[in-house]
C-alpha atoms as a PDB file:
ATOM      1  CA  MET A   1       0.000   0.000   0.000  1.00  0.00           C
ATOM      2  CA  GLN A   2       1.128   3.531  -0.632  1.00  0.00           C
ATOM      3  CA  GLN A   3       1.636   6.167   2.012  1.00  0.00           C
ATOM      4  CA  TYR A   4      -1.232   8.516   2.876  1.00  0.00           C
ATOM      5  CA  ASN A   5      -0.938  12.253   2.972  1.00  0.00           C
ATOM      6  CA  SER A   6      -1.914  14.079   6.167  1.00  0.00           C
ATOM      7  CA  PHE A   7      -4.885  11.905   7.008  1.00  0.00           C
ATOM      8  CA  ASN A   8      -7.242  13.267   9.627  1.00  0.00           C
ATOM      9  CA  PRO A   9      -9.909  10.773  10.755  1.00  0.00           C
ATOM     10  CA  GLY A  10     -12.364  13.573  11.366  1.00  0.00           C
ATOM     11  CA  GLU A  11     -12.084  15.189   7.939  1.00  0.00           C
ATOM     12  CA  PHE A  12     -14.675  13.032   6.191  1.00  0.00           C
ATOM     13  CA  ASP A  13     -17.354  10.481   6.881  1.00  0.00           C
ATOM     14  CA  SER A  14     -20.090   8.573   5.095  1.00  0.00           C
ATOM     15  CA  SER A  15     -21.107  11.649   3.094  1.00  0.00           C
ATOM     16  CA  TYR A  16     -17.839  11.292   1.161  1.00  0.00           C
ATOM     17  CA  ALA A  17     -18.625   9.288  -1.990  1.00  0.00           C
ATOM     18  CA  ALA A  18     -16.438   7.361  -4.437  1.00  0.00           C
ATOM     19  CA  GLY A  19     -18.086   6.040  -7.550  1.00  0.00           C
ATOM     20  CA  GLY A  20     -21.476   6.274  -5.848  1.00  0.00           C
ATOM     21  CA  LEU A  21     -20.346   4.102  -2.943  1.00  0.00           C
ATOM     22  CA  SER A  22     -20.633   5.677   0.510  1.00  0.00           C
ATOM     23  CA  LEU A  23     -18.023   5.110   3.193  1.00  0.00           C
ATOM     24  CA  ASN A  24     -20.435   3.105   5.340  1.00  0.00           C
ATOM     25  CA  ARG A  25     -21.271   0.782   2.453  1.00  0.00           C
ATOM     26  CA  TYR A  26     -17.581   0.421   1.602  1.00  0.00           C
ATOM     27  CA  ILE A  27     -16.761  -0.527   5.184  1.00  0.00           C
ATOM     28  CA  SER A  28     -19.727  -2.924   5.267  1.00  0.00           C
ATOM     29  CA  ARG A  29     -18.523  -4.650   2.103  1.00  0.00           C
ATOM     30  CA  THR A  30     -15.020  -4.992   3.513  1.00  0.00           C
ATOM     31  CA  PHE A  31     -16.283  -6.549   6.737  1.00  0.00           C
ATOM     32  CA  GLY A  32     -18.641  -8.709   4.688  1.00  0.00           C
ATOM     33  CA  TRP A  33     -15.679 -10.273   2.896  1.00  0.00           C
ATOM     34  CA  MET A  34     -13.906 -10.759   6.209  1.00  0.00           C
ATOM     35  CA  PHE A  35     -16.959 -12.548   7.676  1.00  0.00           C
ATOM     36  CA  LEU A  36     -17.232 -14.717   4.555  1.00  0.00           C
ATOM     37  CA  GLY A  37     -13.587 -15.720   4.955  1.00  0.00           C
ATOM     38  CA  LEU A  38     -14.137 -16.599   8.613  1.00  0.00           C
ATOM     39  CA  LEU A  39     -17.255 -18.616   7.735  1.00  0.00           C
ATOM     40  CA  VAL A  40     -15.320 -20.614   5.128  1.00  0.00           C
ATOM     41  CA  THR A  41     -12.423 -21.244   7.517  1.00  0.00           C
ATOM     42  CA  PHE A  42     -14.439 -22.338  10.544  1.00  0.00           C
ATOM     43  CA  ALA A  43     -17.027 -24.318   8.553  1.00  0.00           C
ATOM     44  CA  LEU A  44     -14.305 -26.231   6.705  1.00  0.00           C
ATOM     45  CA  GLY A  45     -12.317 -26.776   9.900  1.00  0.00           C
ATOM     46  CA  TRP A  46     -15.361 -28.158  11.711  1.00  0.00           C
ATOM     47  CA  TYR A  47     -16.316 -30.408   8.773  1.00  0.00           C
ATOM     48  CA  MET A  48     -12.784 -31.819   8.472  1.00  0.00           C
ATOM     49  CA  ALA A  49     -12.764 -32.645  12.196  1.00  0.00           C
ATOM     50  CA  ALA A  50     -16.332 -34.011  12.343  1.00  0.00           C
ATOM     51  CA  SER A  51     -15.823 -36.250   9.313  1.00  0.00           C
ATOM     52  CA  GLY A  52     -12.434 -37.519  10.483  1.00  0.00           C
ATOM     53  CA  MET A  53     -10.711 -36.233   7.347  1.00  0.00           C
ATOM     54  CA  VAL A  54      -8.405 -34.160   9.540  1.00  0.00           C
ATOM     55  CA  PHE A  55      -6.528 -37.341  10.533  1.00  0.00           C
ATOM     56  CA  GLN A  56      -6.035 -38.319   6.894  1.00  0.00           C
ATOM     57  CA  LEU A  57      -4.847 -34.817   6.051  1.00  0.00           C
ATOM     58  CA  PHE A  58      -2.243 -34.584   8.793  1.00  0.00           C
ATOM     59  CA  ALA A  59      -1.051 -38.119   8.087  1.00  0.00           C
ATOM     60  CA  ILE A  60       0.447 -36.756   4.846  1.00  0.00           C
ATOM     61  CA  PRO A  61       4.219 -36.180   5.339  1.00  0.00           C
ATOM     62  CA  TYR A  62       5.193 -32.526   5.769  1.00  0.00           C
ATOM     63  CA  VAL A  63       1.606 -31.364   5.201  1.00  0.00           C
ATOM     64  CA  THR A  64       1.905 -28.695   7.917  1.00  0.00           C
ATOM     65  CA  ILE A  65       4.914 -27.138   6.184  1.00  0.00           C
ATOM     66  CA  LEU A  66       3.208 -27.351   2.800  1.00  0.00           C
ATOM     67  CA  LEU A  67       0.093 -25.586   4.109  1.00  0.00           C
ATOM     68  CA  LEU A  68       2.191 -22.879   5.770  1.00  0.00           C
ATOM     69  CA  VAL A  69       4.179 -22.244   2.568  1.00  0.00           C
ATOM     70  CA  ALA A  70       0.963 -22.122   0.529  1.00  0.00           C
ATOM     71  CA  GLU A  71      -0.626 -19.610   2.945  1.00  0.00           C
ATOM     72  CA  VAL A  72       2.429 -17.341   2.891  1.00  0.00           C
ATOM     73  CA  ALA A  73       2.569 -17.540  -0.917  1.00  0.00           C
ATOM     74  CA  VAL A  74      -1.095 -16.530  -1.283  1.00  0.00           C
ATOM     75  CA  VAL A  75      -0.680 -13.554   1.063  1.00  0.00           C
ATOM     76  CA  LEU A  76       2.473 -12.394  -0.730  1.00  0.00           C
ATOM     77  CA  VAL A  77       0.851 -12.611  -4.155  1.00  0.00           C
ATOM     78  CA  LEU A  78      -2.295 -10.829  -2.979  1.00  0.00           C
ATOM     79  CA  SER A  79      -0.389  -7.987  -1.292  1.00  0.00           C
ATOM     80  CA  ALA A  80       2.369  -7.595  -3.908  1.00  0.00           C
ATOM     81  CA  ARG A  81       0.009  -7.439  -6.897  1.00  0.00           C
ATOM     82  CA  ILE A  82      -2.826  -5.480  -5.293  1.00  0.00           C
ATOM     83  CA  HIS A  83      -2.368  -2.649  -7.839  1.00  0.00           C
ATOM     84  CA  LYS A  84      -2.251  -4.945 -10.909  1.00  0.00           C
ATOM     85  CA  GLN A  85      -4.438  -8.031 -10.524  1.00  0.00           C
ATOM     86  CA  SER A  86      -8.149  -8.058 -11.277  1.00  0.00           C
ATOM     87  CA  VAL A  87     -10.788  -7.723  -8.581  1.00  0.00           C
ATOM     88  CA  ASN A  88     -11.950 -11.308  -9.191  1.00  0.00           C
ATOM     89  CA  THR A  89      -8.383 -12.599  -8.816  1.00  0.00           C
ATOM     90  CA  SER A  90      -8.075 -10.786  -5.485  1.00  0.00           C
ATOM     91  CA  ARG A  91     -11.323 -12.374  -4.308  1.00  0.00           C
ATOM     92  CA  VAL A  92     -10.230 -15.857  -5.407  1.00  0.00           C
ATOM     93  CA  LEU A  93      -6.890 -15.499  -3.605  1.00  0.00           C
ATOM     94  CA  PHE A  94      -8.644 -14.324  -0.439  1.00  0.00           C
ATOM     95  CA  LEU A  95     -11.016 -17.287  -0.469  1.00  0.00           C
ATOM     96  CA  ALA A  96      -8.114 -19.630  -1.272  1.00  0.00           C
ATOM     97  CA  TYR A  97      -6.357 -18.386   1.842  1.00  0.00           C
ATOM     98  CA  ALA A  98      -9.510 -18.926   3.912  1.00  0.00           C
ATOM     99  CA  ILE A  99      -9.739 -22.509   2.609  1.00  0.00           C
ATOM    100  CA  LEU A 100      -6.067 -23.231   3.351  1.00  0.00           C
ATOM    101  CA  ASN A 101      -6.502 -21.825   6.834  1.00  0.00           C
ATOM    102  CA  GLY A 102      -9.630 -23.953   7.281  1.00  0.00           C
ATOM    103  CA  LEU A 103      -7.534 -27.054   6.661  1.00  0.00           C
ATOM    104  CA  VAL A 104      -5.109 -25.916   9.342  1.00  0.00           C
ATOM    105  CA  PHE A 105      -7.917 -25.007  11.740  1.00  0.00           C
ATOM    106  CA  SER A 106      -9.385 -28.500  11.550  1.00  0.00           C
ATOM    107  CA  ALA A 107      -6.657 -29.542  14.003  1.00  0.00           C
ATOM    108  CA  TYR A 108      -7.947 -27.112  16.640  1.00  0.00           C
ATOM    109  CA  PHE A 109     -11.353 -28.822  16.659  1.00  0.00           C
ATOM    110  CA  VAL A 110      -9.515 -32.003  17.671  1.00  0.00           C
ATOM    111  CA  ILE A 111      -6.973 -30.520  20.075  1.00  0.00           C
ATOM    112  CA  TYR A 112      -9.538 -28.402  21.957  1.00  0.00           C
ATOM    113  CA  ASP A 113     -13.059 -29.098  23.200  1.00  0.00           C
ATOM    114  CA  VAL A 114     -15.598 -27.879  20.654  1.00  0.00           C
ATOM    115  CA  ALA A 115     -17.557 -26.073  23.389  1.00  0.00           C
ATOM    116  CA  GLY A 116     -14.382 -24.255  24.409  1.00  0.00           C
ATOM    117  CA  VAL A 117     -13.674 -23.275  20.805  1.00  0.00           C
ATOM    118  CA  ILE A 118     -17.192 -21.864  20.427  1.00  0.00           C
ATOM    119  CA  LEU A 119     -16.895 -19.924  23.690  1.00  0.00           C
ATOM    120  CA  VAL A 120     -13.559 -18.425  22.703  1.00  0.00           C
ATOM    121  CA  PHE A 121     -14.941 -17.560  19.268  1.00  0.00           C
ATOM    122  CA  GLY A 122     -17.765 -15.619  20.922  1.00  0.00           C
ATOM    123  CA  ILE A 123     -15.361 -13.754  23.210  1.00  0.00           C
ATOM    124  CA  THR A 124     -13.120 -12.980  20.238  1.00  0.00           C
ATOM    125  CA  ALA A 125     -16.087 -11.583  18.311  1.00  0.00           C
ATOM    126  CA  LEU A 126     -17.012  -9.288  21.220  1.00  0.00           C
ATOM    127  CA  PHE A 127     -13.481  -7.969  21.686  1.00  0.00           C
ATOM    128  CA  PHE A 128     -12.907  -7.650  17.947  1.00  0.00           C
ATOM    129  CA  GLY A 129     -16.206  -5.825  17.426  1.00  0.00           C
ATOM    130  CA  GLY A 130     -15.507  -3.349  20.215  1.00  0.00           C
ATOM    131  CA  PHE A 131     -12.080  -2.376  18.905  1.00  0.00           C
ATOM    132  CA  ALA A 132     -13.317  -2.290  15.300  1.00  0.00           C
ATOM    133  CA  LEU A 133     -15.987   0.219  16.340  1.00  0.00           C
ATOM    134  CA  TYR A 134     -13.337   2.270  18.099  1.00  0.00           C
ATOM    135  CA  GLY A 135     -11.188   2.287  14.949  1.00  0.00           C
ATOM    136  CA  ARG A 136     -14.198   3.291  12.866  1.00  0.00           C
ATOM    137  CA  PHE A 137     -15.331   6.253  14.942  1.00  0.00           C
ATOM    138  CA  THR A 138     -12.279   7.539  16.827  1.00  0.00           C
ATOM    139  CA  GLN A 139     -10.932  10.954  15.849  1.00  0.00           C
ATOM    140  CA  THR A 140      -7.399   9.927  16.847  1.00  0.00           C
ATOM    141  CA  ASP A 141      -4.935   9.068  14.093  1.00  0.00           C
ATOM    142  CA  LEU A 142      -4.017   5.468  14.941  1.00  0.00           C
ATOM    143  CA  SER A 143      -1.093   5.401  12.500  1.00  0.00           C
ATOM    144  CA  ARG A 144       0.993   6.472  15.496  1.00  0.00           C
ATOM    145  CA  LEU A 145       0.573   2.924  16.796  1.00  0.00           C
ATOM    146  CA  ARG A 146       2.491   1.439  13.872  1.00  0.00           C
ATOM    147  CA  PRO A 147       5.963   1.344  15.568  1.00  0.00           C
ATOM    148  CA  PHE A 148       4.418  -0.293  18.661  1.00  0.00           C
ATOM    149  CA  LEU A 149       2.566  -2.837  16.527  1.00  0.00           C
ATOM    150  CA  ILE A 150       5.632  -3.746  14.466  1.00  0.00           C
ATOM    151  CA  GLY A 151       7.683  -4.088  17.653  1.00  0.00           C
ATOM    152  CA  GLY A 152       4.930  -6.251  19.127  1.00  0.00           C
ATOM    153  CA  LEU A 153       4.986  -8.583  16.133  1.00  0.00           C
ATOM    154  CA  ILE A 154       8.746  -8.975  16.470  1.00  0.00           C
ATOM    155  CA  PHE A 155       8.307  -9.756  20.185  1.00  0.00           C
ATOM    156  CA  LEU A 156       5.683 -12.402  19.386  1.00  0.00           C
ATOM    157  CA  LEU A 157       7.886 -13.942  16.701  1.00  0.00           C
ATOM    158  CA  VAL A 158      10.973 -14.113  18.928  1.00  0.00           C
ATOM    159  CA  GLY A 159       8.905 -15.379  21.863  1.00  0.00           C
ATOM    160  CA  GLY A 160       7.329 -18.059  19.689  1.00  0.00           C
ATOM    161  CA  LEU A 161      10.754 -19.260  18.547  1.00  0.00           C
ATOM    162  CA  LEU A 162      11.971 -19.421  22.162  1.00  0.00           C
ATOM    163  CA  LEU A 163       8.941 -21.512  23.125  1.00  0.00           C
ATOM    164  CA  MET A 164       9.758 -23.937  20.328  1.00  0.00           C
ATOM    165  CA  LEU A 165      13.359 -24.302  21.491  1.00  0.00           C
ATOM    166  CA  PHE A 166      13.000 -24.214  25.277  1.00  0.00           C
ATOM    167  CA  ASP A 167      10.486 -25.258  27.934  1.00  0.00           C
ATOM    168  CA  LEU A 168       9.337 -21.811  29.070  1.00  0.00           C
ATOM    169  CA  SER A 169       5.745 -22.295  30.240  1.00  0.00           C
ATOM    170  CA  ALA A 170       5.674 -18.932  32.058  1.00  0.00           C
ATOM    171  CA  LEU A 171       6.658 -17.148  28.840  1.00  0.00           C
ATOM    172  CA  GLU A 172       3.753 -18.733  26.949  1.00  0.00           C
ATOM    173  CA  ARG A 173       1.140 -17.068  29.181  1.00  0.00           C
ATOM    174  CA  LEU A 174       2.903 -13.701  28.858  1.00  0.00           C
ATOM    175  CA  LEU A 175       3.110 -14.192  25.098  1.00  0.00           C
ATOM    176  CA  CYS A 176      -0.615 -14.925  24.905  1.00  0.00           C
ATOM    177  CA  MET A 177      -1.505 -11.765  26.849  1.00  0.00           C
ATOM    178  CA  ALA A 178       0.808  -9.690  24.655  1.00  0.00           C
ATOM    179  CA  GLY A 179      -0.687 -11.231  21.515  1.00  0.00           C
ATOM    180  CA  ILE A 180      -4.222 -10.397  22.655  1.00  0.00           C
ATOM    181  CA  VAL A 181      -3.316  -6.740  23.267  1.00  0.00           C
ATOM    182  CA  ILE A 182      -1.347  -6.399  20.031  1.00  0.00           C
ATOM    183  CA  PHE A 183      -4.060  -7.826  17.780  1.00  0.00           C
ATOM    184  CA  LEU A 184      -6.792  -5.836  19.476  1.00  0.00           C
ATOM    185  CA  CYS A 185      -4.768  -2.734  18.629  1.00  0.00           C
ATOM    186  CA  PHE A 186      -4.263  -4.044  15.089  1.00  0.00           C
ATOM    187  CA  THR A 187      -8.028  -4.407  14.778  1.00  0.00           C
ATOM    188  CA  ALA A 188      -8.628  -0.731  15.523  1.00  0.00           C
ATOM    189  CA  TYR A 189      -5.644   0.297  13.370  1.00  0.00           C
ATOM    190  CA  ASP A 190      -6.701  -1.752  10.333  1.00  0.00           C
ATOM    191  CA  THR A 191     -10.321  -0.640  10.634  1.00  0.00           C
ATOM    192  CA  GLN A 192      -9.249   2.989  10.449  1.00  0.00           C
ATOM    193  CA  LYS A 193      -7.087   2.139   7.418  1.00  0.00           C
ATOM    194  CA  ILE A 194     -10.270   1.231   5.530  1.00  0.00           C
ATOM    195  CA  LYS A 195     -11.259   4.895   5.755  1.00  0.00           C
ATOM    196  CA  LYS A 196      -7.816   5.879   4.484  1.00  0.00           C
ATOM    197  CA  ASN A 197      -8.148   3.514   1.530  1.00  0.00           C
ATOM    198  CA  TYR A 198     -11.572   4.929   0.744  1.00  0.00           C
ATOM    199  CA  GLN A 199     -10.184   8.442   0.662  1.00  0.00           C
ATOM    200  CA  TYR A 200      -6.918   7.645  -1.082  1.00  0.00           C
ATOM    201  CA  PHE A 201      -8.189   5.304  -3.829  1.00  0.00           C
ATOM    202  CA  SER A 202     -11.508   7.019  -4.521  1.00  0.00           C
ATOM    203  CA  HIS A 203     -10.347   7.995  -8.018  1.00  0.00           C
ATOM    204  CA  ASP A 204     -10.167   4.338  -9.143  1.00  0.00           C
ATOM    205  CA  THR A 205     -13.169   2.091  -8.480  1.00  0.00           C
ATOM    206  CA  ALA A 206     -11.337  -1.153  -9.349  1.00  0.00           C
ATOM    207  CA  LEU A 207      -8.375  -0.273  -7.133  1.00  0.00           C
ATOM    208  CA  LEU A 208     -10.777   0.677  -4.364  1.00  0.00           C
ATOM    209  CA  GLU A 209     -12.419  -2.762  -4.563  1.00  0.00           C
ATOM    210  CA  ARG A 210      -9.041  -4.529  -4.536  1.00  0.00           C
ATOM    211  CA  ALA A 211      -8.022  -2.467  -1.511  1.00  0.00           C
ATOM    212  CA  SER A 212     -11.256  -3.595   0.160  1.00  0.00           C
ATOM    213  CA  ILE A 213     -10.290  -7.266  -0.307  1.00  0.00           C
ATOM    214  CA  TYR A 214      -6.811  -6.578   1.051  1.00  0.00           C
ATOM    215  CA  SER A 215      -8.296  -4.807   4.077  1.00  0.00           C
ATOM    216  CA  ALA A 216     -10.649  -7.760   4.583  1.00  0.00           C
ATOM    217  CA  LEU A 217      -7.605 -10.040   4.639  1.00  0.00           C
ATOM    218  CA  GLN A 218      -5.897  -7.856   7.248  1.00  0.00           C
ATOM    219  CA  LEU A 219      -8.997  -7.862   9.461  1.00  0.00           C
ATOM    220  CA  TYR A 220      -9.398 -11.607   8.913  1.00  0.00           C
ATOM    221  CA  LEU A 221      -5.808 -12.138  10.115  1.00  0.00           C
ATOM    222  CA  ASP A 222      -6.427  -9.865  13.109  1.00  0.00           C
ATOM    223  CA  PHE A 223      -9.469 -11.933  14.106  1.00  0.00           C
ATOM    224  CA  ILE A 224      -7.729 -15.268  13.561  1.00  0.00           C
ATOM    225  CA  ASN A 225      -4.641 -14.311  15.554  1.00  0.00           C
ATOM    226  CA  LEU A 226      -6.737 -12.809  18.352  1.00  0.00           C
ATOM    227  CA  PHE A 227      -8.795 -16.014  18.433  1.00  0.00           C
ATOM    228  CA  LEU A 228      -5.699 -18.217  18.596  1.00  0.00           C
ATOM    229  CA  TYR A 229      -4.091 -16.272  21.452  1.00  0.00           C
ATOM    230  CA  LEU A 230      -7.360 -16.261  23.393  1.00  0.00           C
ATOM    231  CA  LEU A 231      -7.760 -19.981  22.731  1.00  0.00           C
ATOM    232  CA  ARG A 232      -4.280 -20.708  24.056  1.00  0.00           C
ATOM    233  CA  PHE A 233      -4.917 -18.433  27.040  1.00  0.00           C
ATOM    234  CA  MET A 234      -8.384 -19.747  27.929  1.00  0.00           C
ATOM    235  CA  GLY A 235      -9.122 -22.901  25.954  1.00  0.00           C
ATOM    236  CA  SER A 236      -9.402 -26.321  27.562  1.00  0.00           C
ATOM    237  CA  ARG A 237      -7.710 -29.150  25.698  1.00  0.00           C
ATOM    238  CA  SER A 238      -9.734 -32.100  24.478  1.00  0.00           C
ATOM    239  CA  ARG A 239      -9.287 -35.457  26.161  1.00  0.00           C
ATOM    240  CA  ASN A 240      -9.635 -37.288  22.864  1.00  0.00           C
END
């Protein structure tokens, strides 16, 4: 994405129109794509676990690595070619990512109690919704949070690597709490960025729609990561 010039969250609102599309409708469409992605991911994950196909999937050698590489590749292609690819291609890539993530998520329906997963999903939705509303209506420029958010991601990455290498159970709880805070802040930050995209790309309807899909992906990732950290912090493991 390009840089934005002197954005003031209070300078415009839903009366600002781009190609006949109001800001509120643009935001609604963006969140609609995010919700569709979440529906695909969780529905596929539940079906894979309920049907037992999850065990066949993860019996394939190196399947976890293959899925991770495929997910990273889809995100890189979608973000790198956001200015060039068609709107339909952007939508297909977004849904492809949701499907890949659904395959990965099928493991969580086995590792954790389904009731616990549903409870954590509900809590995630409440927290996510509250911070998304804050990002939508606040008059504060949240771009100032960017250094903190980038630093937080680095902390989570380094902490995750340490947990893989050493038995640091105390660090895991701290890492989960930090992850919850960081992705709540990302939720507000990325929600406000939708307004920036609407203002900045209003001259090009196709680019505006592609930016909407990219924003939906960012919000989708915020929700997923928030869910995972809350699940690790609160979730009860299955006995099966």
